[in-house]
Amino acid sequence: MKITISVDNTADLGPELLAKHNIIPVYTGAVIGDKFYLDKDLTPEDIYKSMEVDNVVPKTSACLETDYREIFEEATKDGGAAIHISMSSNISASYENAKRAAKDFANVYVVDSKSLTLGIGILAIKASEFRAQGMDVREIVEKITDLRDRVDLSLIINDLKFLHKGGRVSGLKLLGANLLKIRPSLEIDNEGKLVPAKKFKGDFARCVQEWTQYKLSQNTNVNKDLVFVAHTEIDPKIPAQIVADLKKAGFKEIIQLYVGVSITIHAGRNTIGMIIINE
């Protein structure tokens, strides 16, 4: 049976990894002013211009049910099956839209990643590998559902400016964080919610190093076959240092990628994340 694997494009895998693993993206959207765009038609630079030059706060929009339906119809028309891995249902309406679309088709499975960005992507890559090993569709769904609960995604943010502009942080918190040079980290919890985590203080590059070591100390049973380092626009020395630290810690494959429009809208410049899987 032919098995199609798709993801919300917030997986941030980029065209090369999508092609390599034969994964189909479903595009989320963004509203800037009175105009709607698919995320594939925007760049992070467009978001920075909107926020910092035009003083217009973009808003993200979930993937459309009709777009899922189109992919599921194509995947199943000759008796095939489809697995879609969505953004966390506690963060986006995309999961519910995909579930509604899937009801009209046999052999379509929608998996709530309980994650975002490359937390989705790492599950999609693993699903592709399981498909290549000849597993059937239900085996793959079971495998990635088990893996999902062992994915650790964490982000550290240089400042709260973009979160403040989006209405997620008060002006008082923004002022206090800037004055004290507090660099907050965020994590995905067991329910798929993005929650505040440990705070770091001081020079951002040094805080990122401390955060990296902290995350490695918290994940003592980590699978070192693959790790993602994902970031918005940032001094290249910072992700390079993380990559060096991860190599020193024994990770075999380290994939460094820029995140897309969705994370950029919410977090802005100088945000960096690490996505790993525990045994």
C-alpha atoms as a PDB file:
ATOM      1  CA  MET A   1       0.000   0.000   0.000  1.00  0.00           C
ATOM      2  CA  LYS A   2       1.271   3.430  -0.946  1.00  0.00           C
ATOM      3  CA  ILE A   3       1.586   5.611   2.165  1.00  0.00           C
ATOM      4  CA  THR A   4       1.580   9.399   1.877  1.00  0.00           C
ATOM      5  CA  ILE A   5       3.102  11.404   4.746  1.00  0.00           C
ATOM      6  CA  SER A   6       2.154  15.049   5.160  1.00  0.00           C
ATOM      7  CA  VAL A   7       2.825  17.749   7.751  1.00  0.00           C
ATOM      8  CA  ASP A   8       1.716  21.236   8.619  1.00  0.00           C
ATOM      9  CA  ASN A   9       4.375  23.454   7.076  1.00  0.00           C
ATOM     10  CA  THR A  10       5.093  24.814  10.540  1.00  0.00           C
ATOM     11  CA  ALA A  11       7.280  21.689  10.780  1.00  0.00           C
ATOM     12  CA  ASP A  12       9.956  23.959   9.226  1.00  0.00           C
ATOM     13  CA  LEU A  13      11.682  21.096   7.411  1.00  0.00           C
ATOM     14  CA  GLY A  14      12.500  23.193   4.359  1.00  0.00           C
ATOM     15  CA  PRO A  15      12.374  22.080   0.702  1.00  0.00           C
ATOM     16  CA  GLU A  16      15.463  19.847   0.810  1.00  0.00           C
ATOM     17  CA  LEU A  17      14.352  17.669   3.735  1.00  0.00           C
ATOM     18  CA  LEU A  18      10.760  17.555   2.468  1.00  0.00           C
ATOM     19  CA  ALA A  19      12.018  16.271  -0.890  1.00  0.00           C
ATOM     20  CA  LYS A  20      14.565  13.881   0.612  1.00  0.00           C
ATOM     21  CA  HIS A  21      11.953  12.183   2.790  1.00  0.00           C
ATOM     22  CA  ASN A  22       9.037  12.557   0.353  1.00  0.00           C
ATOM     23  CA  ILE A  23       6.892  14.543   2.798  1.00  0.00           C
ATOM     24  CA  ILE A  24       4.068  16.804   1.610  1.00  0.00           C
ATOM     25  CA  PRO A  25       3.595  20.191   3.344  1.00  0.00           C
ATOM     26  CA  VAL A  26       0.195  21.723   4.080  1.00  0.00           C
ATOM     27  CA  TYR A  27       0.539  25.467   4.308  1.00  0.00           C
ATOM     28  CA  THR A  28      -0.560  27.620   7.197  1.00  0.00           C
ATOM     29  CA  GLY A  29      -1.365  31.260   6.654  1.00  0.00           C
ATOM     30  CA  ALA A  30      -0.636  34.721   7.973  1.00  0.00           C
ATOM     31  CA  VAL A  31      -2.738  37.851   7.993  1.00  0.00           C
ATOM     32  CA  ILE A  32      -0.872  41.135   7.643  1.00  0.00           C
ATOM     33  CA  GLY A  33      -3.166  44.133   7.823  1.00  0.00           C
ATOM     34  CA  ASP A  34      -6.123  43.197   5.627  1.00  0.00           C
ATOM     35  CA  LYS A  35      -4.250  40.722   3.426  1.00  0.00           C
ATOM     36  CA  PHE A  36      -4.008  36.927   3.770  1.00  0.00           C
ATOM     37  CA  TYR A  37      -0.863  35.056   2.704  1.00  0.00           C
ATOM     38  CA  LEU A  38       0.199  31.432   2.686  1.00  0.00           C
ATOM     39  CA  ASP A  39       3.368  31.021   4.704  1.00  0.00           C
ATOM     40  CA  LYS A  40       5.219  29.763   1.617  1.00  0.00           C
ATOM     41  CA  ASP A  41       4.685  33.205   0.047  1.00  0.00           C
ATOM     42  CA  LEU A  42       6.275  35.063   2.954  1.00  0.00           C
ATOM     43  CA  THR A  43       9.794  35.233   4.355  1.00  0.00           C
ATOM     44  CA  PRO A  44      10.967  36.114   7.871  1.00  0.00           C
ATOM     45  CA  GLU A  45      12.204  39.408   6.391  1.00  0.00           C
ATOM     46  CA  ASP A  46       8.597  40.246   5.458  1.00  0.00           C
ATOM     47  CA  ILE A  47       7.619  39.684   9.089  1.00  0.00           C
ATOM     48  CA  TYR A  48      10.418  41.862  10.458  1.00  0.00           C
ATOM     49  CA  LYS A  49       9.458  44.657   8.055  1.00  0.00           C
ATOM     50  CA  SER A  50       5.809  44.441   9.042  1.00  0.00           C
ATOM     51  CA  MET A  51       6.575  44.500  12.778  1.00  0.00           C
ATOM     52  CA  GLU A  52       9.500  46.916  12.916  1.00  0.00           C
ATOM     53  CA  VAL A  53       8.996  49.276   9.959  1.00  0.00           C
ATOM     54  CA  ASP A  54       5.266  49.271   9.236  1.00  0.00           C
ATOM     55  CA  ASN A  55       4.269  48.646  12.878  1.00  0.00           C
ATOM     56  CA  VAL A  56       1.705  46.066  11.771  1.00  0.00           C
ATOM     57  CA  VAL A  57       1.475  42.885  13.866  1.00  0.00           C
ATOM     58  CA  PRO A  58       0.936  39.796  11.670  1.00  0.00           C
ATOM     59  CA  LYS A  59      -1.384  37.033  12.849  1.00  0.00           C
ATOM     60  CA  THR A  60      -0.998  33.346  12.112  1.00  0.00           C
ATOM     61  CA  SER A  61      -3.806  31.292  10.572  1.00  0.00           C
ATOM     62  CA  ALA A  62      -4.394  27.519  10.740  1.00  0.00           C
ATOM     63  CA  CYS A  63      -4.201  25.199   7.750  1.00  0.00           C
ATOM     64  CA  LEU A  64      -7.504  24.986   5.870  1.00  0.00           C
ATOM     65  CA  GLU A  65      -9.734  21.906   5.894  1.00  0.00           C
ATOM     66  CA  THR A  66     -10.035  22.107   2.107  1.00  0.00           C
ATOM     67  CA  ASP A  67      -6.261  21.849   1.692  1.00  0.00           C
ATOM     68  CA  TYR A  68      -6.140  18.708   3.826  1.00  0.00           C
ATOM     69  CA  ARG A  69      -9.037  17.237   1.893  1.00  0.00           C
ATOM     70  CA  GLU A  70      -7.218  17.717  -1.400  1.00  0.00           C
ATOM     71  CA  ILE A  71      -4.132  15.863  -0.152  1.00  0.00           C
ATOM     72  CA  PHE A  72      -6.102  13.034   1.457  1.00  0.00           C
ATOM     73  CA  GLU A  73      -8.178  12.536  -1.693  1.00  0.00           C
ATOM     74  CA  GLU A  74      -5.068  12.225  -3.852  1.00  0.00           C
ATOM     75  CA  ALA A  75      -3.366   9.900  -1.342  1.00  0.00           C
ATOM     76  CA  THR A  76      -6.265   7.437  -1.123  1.00  0.00           C
ATOM     77  CA  LYS A  77      -7.709   7.445  -4.640  1.00  0.00           C
ATOM     78  CA  ASP A  78      -5.950   4.209  -5.669  1.00  0.00           C
ATOM     79  CA  GLY A  79      -6.286   2.424  -2.334  1.00  0.00           C
ATOM     80  CA  GLY A  80      -3.428   4.236  -0.654  1.00  0.00           C
ATOM     81  CA  ALA A  81      -3.172   5.537   2.901  1.00  0.00           C
ATOM     82  CA  ALA A  82      -2.140   8.848   4.444  1.00  0.00           C
ATOM     83  CA  ILE A  83      -0.549   9.937   7.703  1.00  0.00           C
ATOM     84  CA  HIS A  84      -0.743  13.610   8.568  1.00  0.00           C
ATOM     85  CA  ILE A  85       1.292  15.016  11.454  1.00  0.00           C
ATOM     86  CA  SER A  86      -0.189  18.259  12.703  1.00  0.00           C
ATOM     87  CA  MET A  87       0.853  21.121  14.899  1.00  0.00           C
ATOM     88  CA  SER A  88      -0.175  20.688  18.532  1.00  0.00           C
ATOM     89  CA  SER A  89      -3.935  20.826  19.013  1.00  0.00           C
ATOM     90  CA  ASN A  90      -3.291  23.035  22.052  1.00  0.00           C
ATOM     91  CA  ILE A  91      -1.561  25.630  19.891  1.00  0.00           C
ATOM     92  CA  SER A  92      -3.425  25.613  16.572  1.00  0.00           C
ATOM     93  CA  ALA A  93      -6.798  24.690  15.071  1.00  0.00           C
ATOM     94  CA  SER A  94      -4.978  22.844  12.270  1.00  0.00           C
ATOM     95  CA  TYR A  95      -5.353  19.472  14.011  1.00  0.00           C
ATOM     96  CA  GLU A  96      -9.153  19.761  14.226  1.00  0.00           C
ATOM     97  CA  ASN A  97      -9.331  20.916  10.607  1.00  0.00           C
ATOM     98  CA  ALA A  98      -7.299  17.896   9.521  1.00  0.00           C
ATOM     99  CA  LYS A  99      -9.473  15.538  11.593  1.00  0.00           C
ATOM    100  CA  ARG A 100     -12.639  16.884   9.984  1.00  0.00           C
ATOM    101  CA  ALA A 101     -11.159  16.432   6.514  1.00  0.00           C
ATOM    102  CA  ALA A 102     -10.005  12.885   7.318  1.00  0.00           C
ATOM    103  CA  LYS A 103     -13.506  11.680   8.267  1.00  0.00           C
ATOM    104  CA  ASP A 104     -14.493  11.339   4.624  1.00  0.00           C
ATOM    105  CA  PHE A 105     -11.617   9.025   3.700  1.00  0.00           C
ATOM    106  CA  ALA A 106     -10.551   5.505   4.578  1.00  0.00           C
ATOM    107  CA  ASN A 107      -6.987   4.875   5.765  1.00  0.00           C
ATOM    108  CA  VAL A 108      -6.225   8.464   6.718  1.00  0.00           C
ATOM    109  CA  TYR A 109      -4.592   8.946  10.112  1.00  0.00           C
ATOM    110  CA  VAL A 110      -4.104  12.348  11.734  1.00  0.00           C
ATOM    111  CA  VAL A 111      -1.482  12.472  14.478  1.00  0.00           C
ATOM    112  CA  ASP A 112      -1.377  15.341  16.963  1.00  0.00           C
ATOM    113  CA  SER A 113       2.354  16.056  17.276  1.00  0.00           C
ATOM    114  CA  LYS A 114       1.796  17.856  20.594  1.00  0.00           C
ATOM    115  CA  SER A 115       4.606  20.060  19.366  1.00  0.00           C
ATOM    116  CA  LEU A 116       5.538  22.768  16.903  1.00  0.00           C
ATOM    117  CA  THR A 117       8.274  23.612  14.407  1.00  0.00           C
ATOM    118  CA  LEU A 118      10.840  20.786  14.150  1.00  0.00           C
ATOM    119  CA  GLY A 119       9.150  18.856  16.941  1.00  0.00           C
ATOM    120  CA  ILE A 120       6.656  18.081  14.178  1.00  0.00           C
ATOM    121  CA  GLY A 121       9.420  17.662  11.639  1.00  0.00           C
ATOM    122  CA  ILE A 122      11.382  15.080  13.581  1.00  0.00           C
ATOM    123  CA  LEU A 123       8.271  12.877  13.790  1.00  0.00           C
ATOM    124  CA  ALA A 124       7.686  13.221  10.050  1.00  0.00           C
ATOM    125  CA  ILE A 125      11.268  12.203   9.265  1.00  0.00           C
ATOM    126  CA  LYS A 126      10.969   9.173  11.530  1.00  0.00           C
ATOM    127  CA  ALA A 127       7.649   8.251   9.871  1.00  0.00           C
ATOM    128  CA  SER A 128       9.380   8.433   6.493  1.00  0.00           C
ATOM    129  CA  GLU A 129      12.162   6.151   7.741  1.00  0.00           C
ATOM    130  CA  PHE A 130       9.635   3.640   9.066  1.00  0.00           C
ATOM    131  CA  ARG A 131       7.850   3.724   5.708  1.00  0.00           C
ATOM    132  CA  ALA A 132      11.148   2.994   3.945  1.00  0.00           C
ATOM    133  CA  GLN A 133      11.616   0.001   6.262  1.00  0.00           C
ATOM    134  CA  GLY A 134       8.355  -1.462   4.939  1.00  0.00           C
ATOM    135  CA  MET A 135       6.149  -0.899   7.984  1.00  0.00           C
ATOM    136  CA  ASP A 136       2.414  -0.703   7.342  1.00  0.00           C
ATOM    137  CA  VAL A 137       0.452   2.450   8.062  1.00  0.00           C
ATOM    138  CA  ARG A 138      -0.811   1.403  11.496  1.00  0.00           C
ATOM    139  CA  GLU A 139       2.662   0.357  12.632  1.00  0.00           C
ATOM    140  CA  ILE A 140       4.024   3.749  11.598  1.00  0.00           C
ATOM    141  CA  VAL A 141       1.261   5.597  13.458  1.00  0.00           C
ATOM    142  CA  GLU A 142       1.934   3.539  16.596  1.00  0.00           C
ATOM    143  CA  LYS A 143       5.675   4.168  16.353  1.00  0.00           C
ATOM    144  CA  ILE A 144       5.459   7.929  15.938  1.00  0.00           C
ATOM    145  CA  THR A 145       2.773   8.232  18.616  1.00  0.00           C
ATOM    146  CA  ASP A 146       5.189   6.537  21.011  1.00  0.00           C
ATOM    147  CA  LEU A 147       8.056   8.762  19.837  1.00  0.00           C
ATOM    148  CA  ARG A 148       5.938  11.882  20.249  1.00  0.00           C
ATOM    149  CA  ASP A 149       5.911  11.504  24.010  1.00  0.00           C
ATOM    150  CA  ARG A 150       9.716  11.359  24.050  1.00  0.00           C
ATOM    151  CA  VAL A 151      10.416  14.463  21.980  1.00  0.00           C
ATOM    152  CA  ASP A 152      11.881  17.346  23.967  1.00  0.00           C
ATOM    153  CA  LEU A 153      11.537  20.792  22.402  1.00  0.00           C
ATOM    154  CA  SER A 154      12.917  23.887  24.070  1.00  0.00           C
ATOM    155  CA  LEU A 155      13.483  27.471  22.935  1.00  0.00           C
ATOM    156  CA  ILE A 156      15.443  30.353  24.380  1.00  0.00           C
ATOM    157  CA  ILE A 157      14.585  33.947  23.470  1.00  0.00           C
ATOM    158  CA  ASN A 158      16.847  36.971  23.525  1.00  0.00           C
ATOM    159  CA  ASP A 159      14.059  39.451  24.284  1.00  0.00           C
ATOM    160  CA  LEU A 160      10.284  39.623  24.609  1.00  0.00           C
ATOM    161  CA  LYS A 161       9.664  42.412  22.090  1.00  0.00           C
ATOM    162  CA  PHE A 162       7.784  40.342  19.522  1.00  0.00           C
ATOM    163  CA  LEU A 163       5.822  38.459  22.176  1.00  0.00           C
ATOM    164  CA  HIS A 164       4.852  41.831  23.643  1.00  0.00           C
ATOM    165  CA  LYS A 165       3.742  43.207  20.266  1.00  0.00           C
ATOM    166  CA  GLY A 166       1.631  40.092  19.739  1.00  0.00           C
ATOM    167  CA  GLY A 167      -0.092  40.677  23.072  1.00  0.00           C
ATOM    168  CA  ARG A 168       1.461  37.685  24.853  1.00  0.00           C
ATOM    169  CA  VAL A 169       3.675  39.623  27.283  1.00  0.00           C
ATOM    170  CA  SER A 170       2.797  42.761  29.237  1.00  0.00           C
ATOM    171  CA  GLY A 171       4.762  45.981  28.900  1.00  0.00           C
ATOM    172  CA  LEU A 172       5.854  45.705  32.525  1.00  0.00           C
ATOM    173  CA  LYS A 173       7.314  42.240  31.998  1.00  0.00           C
ATOM    174  CA  LEU A 174       9.044  43.435  28.835  1.00  0.00           C
ATOM    175  CA  LEU A 175      10.623  46.363  30.672  1.00  0.00           C
ATOM    176  CA  GLY A 176      11.739  44.198  33.589  1.00  0.00           C
ATOM    177  CA  ALA A 177      13.224  41.529  31.336  1.00  0.00           C
ATOM    178  CA  ASN A 178      15.147  44.111  29.320  1.00  0.00           C
ATOM    179  CA  LEU A 179      16.488  45.928  32.388  1.00  0.00           C
ATOM    180  CA  LEU A 180      17.639  42.711  34.057  1.00  0.00           C
ATOM    181  CA  LYS A 181      18.815  41.052  30.811  1.00  0.00           C
ATOM    182  CA  ILE A 182      16.580  38.051  31.444  1.00  0.00           C
ATOM    183  CA  ARG A 183      16.596  35.475  28.639  1.00  0.00           C
ATOM    184  CA  PRO A 184      13.516  33.258  29.070  1.00  0.00           C
ATOM    185  CA  SER A 185      13.280  29.707  27.799  1.00  0.00           C
ATOM    186  CA  LEU A 186      10.092  27.967  26.740  1.00  0.00           C
ATOM    187  CA  GLU A 187       9.241  24.272  26.507  1.00  0.00           C
ATOM    188  CA  ILE A 188       6.495  22.057  25.142  1.00  0.00           C
ATOM    189  CA  ASP A 189       4.791  20.245  28.009  1.00  0.00           C
ATOM    190  CA  ASN A 190       3.128  16.802  27.960  1.00  0.00           C
ATOM    191  CA  GLU A 191      -0.150  18.296  26.755  1.00  0.00           C
ATOM    192  CA  GLY A 192       1.451  20.048  23.812  1.00  0.00           C
ATOM    193  CA  LYS A 193       1.330  23.523  25.350  1.00  0.00           C
ATOM    194  CA  LEU A 194       4.191  26.006  25.059  1.00  0.00           C
ATOM    195  CA  VAL A 195       5.001  26.981  28.639  1.00  0.00           C
ATOM    196  CA  PRO A 196       7.601  29.142  30.427  1.00  0.00           C
ATOM    197  CA  ALA A 197      10.652  27.260  31.670  1.00  0.00           C
ATOM    198  CA  LYS A 198      13.987  28.179  33.238  1.00  0.00           C
ATOM    199  CA  LYS A 199      15.151  31.795  32.989  1.00  0.00           C
ATOM    200  CA  PHE A 200      18.727  32.773  32.241  1.00  0.00           C
ATOM    201  CA  LYS A 201      20.374  36.127  32.877  1.00  0.00           C
ATOM    202  CA  GLY A 202      23.145  38.067  31.204  1.00  0.00           C
ATOM    203  CA  ASP A 203      24.851  38.049  27.812  1.00  0.00           C
ATOM    204  CA  PHE A 204      22.667  36.137  25.341  1.00  0.00           C
ATOM    205  CA  ALA A 205      25.467  34.014  23.858  1.00  0.00           C
ATOM    206  CA  ARG A 206      26.537  32.883  27.322  1.00  0.00           C
ATOM    207  CA  CYS A 207      22.934  32.224  28.316  1.00  0.00           C
ATOM    208  CA  VAL A 208      22.485  30.026  25.242  1.00  0.00           C
ATOM    209  CA  GLN A 209      25.495  27.948  26.287  1.00  0.00           C
ATOM    210  CA  GLU A 210      24.093  27.594  29.801  1.00  0.00           C
ATOM    211  CA  TRP A 211      20.697  26.642  28.366  1.00  0.00           C
ATOM    212  CA  THR A 212      22.275  23.997  26.112  1.00  0.00           C
ATOM    213  CA  GLN A 213      24.077  22.378  29.025  1.00  0.00           C
ATOM    214  CA  TYR A 214      20.969  22.617  31.180  1.00  0.00           C
ATOM    215  CA  LYS A 215      18.856  20.822  28.559  1.00  0.00           C
ATOM    216  CA  LEU A 216      21.445  18.078  28.133  1.00  0.00           C
ATOM    217  CA  SER A 217      21.565  17.590  31.900  1.00  0.00           C
ATOM    218  CA  GLN A 218      17.764  17.308  31.983  1.00  0.00           C
ATOM    219  CA  ASN A 219      17.698  14.644  29.250  1.00  0.00           C
ATOM    220  CA  THR A 220      19.946  11.912  30.579  1.00  0.00           C
ATOM    221  CA  ASN A 221      18.530   9.152  28.339  1.00  0.00           C
ATOM    222  CA  VAL A 222      18.722  11.001  25.041  1.00  0.00           C
ATOM    223  CA  ASN A 223      18.964   9.252  21.655  1.00  0.00           C
ATOM    224  CA  LYS A 224      22.079  10.745  20.094  1.00  0.00           C
ATOM    225  CA  ASP A 225      21.371   9.666  16.512  1.00  0.00           C
ATOM    226  CA  LEU A 226      19.664  12.937  15.550  1.00  0.00           C
ATOM    227  CA  VAL A 227      19.159  16.421  16.973  1.00  0.00           C
ATOM    228  CA  PHE A 228      17.779  19.610  15.427  1.00  0.00           C
ATOM    229  CA  VAL A 229      19.011  23.129  16.108  1.00  0.00           C
ATOM    230  CA  ALA A 230      16.442  25.614  14.823  1.00  0.00           C
ATOM    231  CA  HIS A 231      16.565  29.401  14.952  1.00  0.00           C
ATOM    232  CA  THR A 232      15.349  32.696  13.612  1.00  0.00           C
ATOM    233  CA  GLU A 233      17.791  35.373  12.391  1.00  0.00           C
ATOM    234  CA  ILE A 234      20.732  35.225  14.784  1.00  0.00           C
ATOM    235  CA  ASP A 235      24.490  35.768  15.069  1.00  0.00           C
ATOM    236  CA  PRO A 236      25.819  32.614  13.324  1.00  0.00           C
ATOM    237  CA  LYS A 237      28.388  32.134  16.081  1.00  0.00           C
ATOM    238  CA  ILE A 238      25.604  31.167  18.502  1.00  0.00           C
ATOM    239  CA  PRO A 239      24.171  28.130  16.653  1.00  0.00           C
ATOM    240  CA  ALA A 240      27.737  27.180  15.698  1.00  0.00           C
ATOM    241  CA  GLN A 241      28.610  27.007  19.394  1.00  0.00           C
ATOM    242  CA  ILE A 242      25.577  24.816  20.101  1.00  0.00           C
ATOM    243  CA  VAL A 243      26.547  22.486  17.261  1.00  0.00           C
ATOM    244  CA  ALA A 244      30.082  22.238  18.677  1.00  0.00           C
ATOM    245  CA  ASP A 245      28.724  21.475  22.153  1.00  0.00           C
ATOM    246  CA  LEU A 246      26.372  18.809  20.771  1.00  0.00           C
ATOM    247  CA  LYS A 247      29.210  17.167  18.818  1.00  0.00           C
ATOM    248  CA  LYS A 248      31.272  17.129  21.989  1.00  0.00           C
ATOM    249  CA  ALA A 249      28.318  15.480  23.768  1.00  0.00           C
ATOM    250  CA  GLY A 250      28.338  12.675  21.185  1.00  0.00           C
ATOM    251  CA  PHE A 251      25.430  13.495  18.854  1.00  0.00           C
ATOM    252  CA  LYS A 252      25.883  11.848  15.450  1.00  0.00           C
ATOM    253  CA  GLU A 253      23.666  13.893  13.129  1.00  0.00           C
ATOM    254  CA  ILE A 254      23.038  17.564  13.907  1.00  0.00           C
ATOM    255  CA  ILE A 255      20.715  19.399  11.536  1.00  0.00           C
ATOM    256  CA  GLN A 256      20.690  23.183  11.737  1.00  0.00           C
ATOM    257  CA  LEU A 257      17.779  25.026  10.117  1.00  0.00           C
ATOM    258  CA  TYR A 258      16.105  28.403  10.057  1.00  0.00           C
ATOM    259  CA  VAL A 259      12.524  28.340  11.319  1.00  0.00           C
ATOM    260  CA  GLY A 260       9.757  29.744   9.177  1.00  0.00           C
ATOM    261  CA  VAL A 261       7.162  32.455   9.350  1.00  0.00           C
ATOM    262  CA  SER A 262       5.049  31.115  12.226  1.00  0.00           C
ATOM    263  CA  ILE A 263       7.775  31.072  14.902  1.00  0.00           C
ATOM    264  CA  THR A 264       9.209  34.329  13.546  1.00  0.00           C
ATOM    265  CA  ILE A 265       5.865  36.085  14.039  1.00  0.00           C
ATOM    266  CA  HIS A 266       5.649  35.008  17.667  1.00  0.00           C
ATOM    267  CA  ALA A 267       9.282  35.138  18.794  1.00  0.00           C
ATOM    268  CA  GLY A 268      11.205  37.442  16.478  1.00  0.00           C
ATOM    269  CA  ARG A 269      14.950  37.601  16.000  1.00  0.00           C
ATOM    270  CA  ASN A 270      17.476  35.804  18.195  1.00  0.00           C
ATOM    271  CA  THR A 271      15.328  32.839  19.127  1.00  0.00           C
ATOM    272  CA  ILE A 272      16.943  29.418  19.059  1.00  0.00           C
ATOM    273  CA  GLY A 273      15.616  25.957  19.819  1.00  0.00           C
ATOM    274  CA  MET A 274      16.797  22.391  20.268  1.00  0.00           C
ATOM    275  CA  ILE A 275      14.712  19.327  19.443  1.00  0.00           C
ATOM    276  CA  ILE A 276      15.806  15.891  20.654  1.00  0.00           C
ATOM    277  CA  ILE A 277      14.297  12.450  21.211  1.00  0.00           C
ATOM    278  CA  ASN A 278      14.763  10.493  24.409  1.00  0.00           C
ATOM    279  CA  GLU A 279      15.062   6.710  24.502  1.00  0.00           C
END
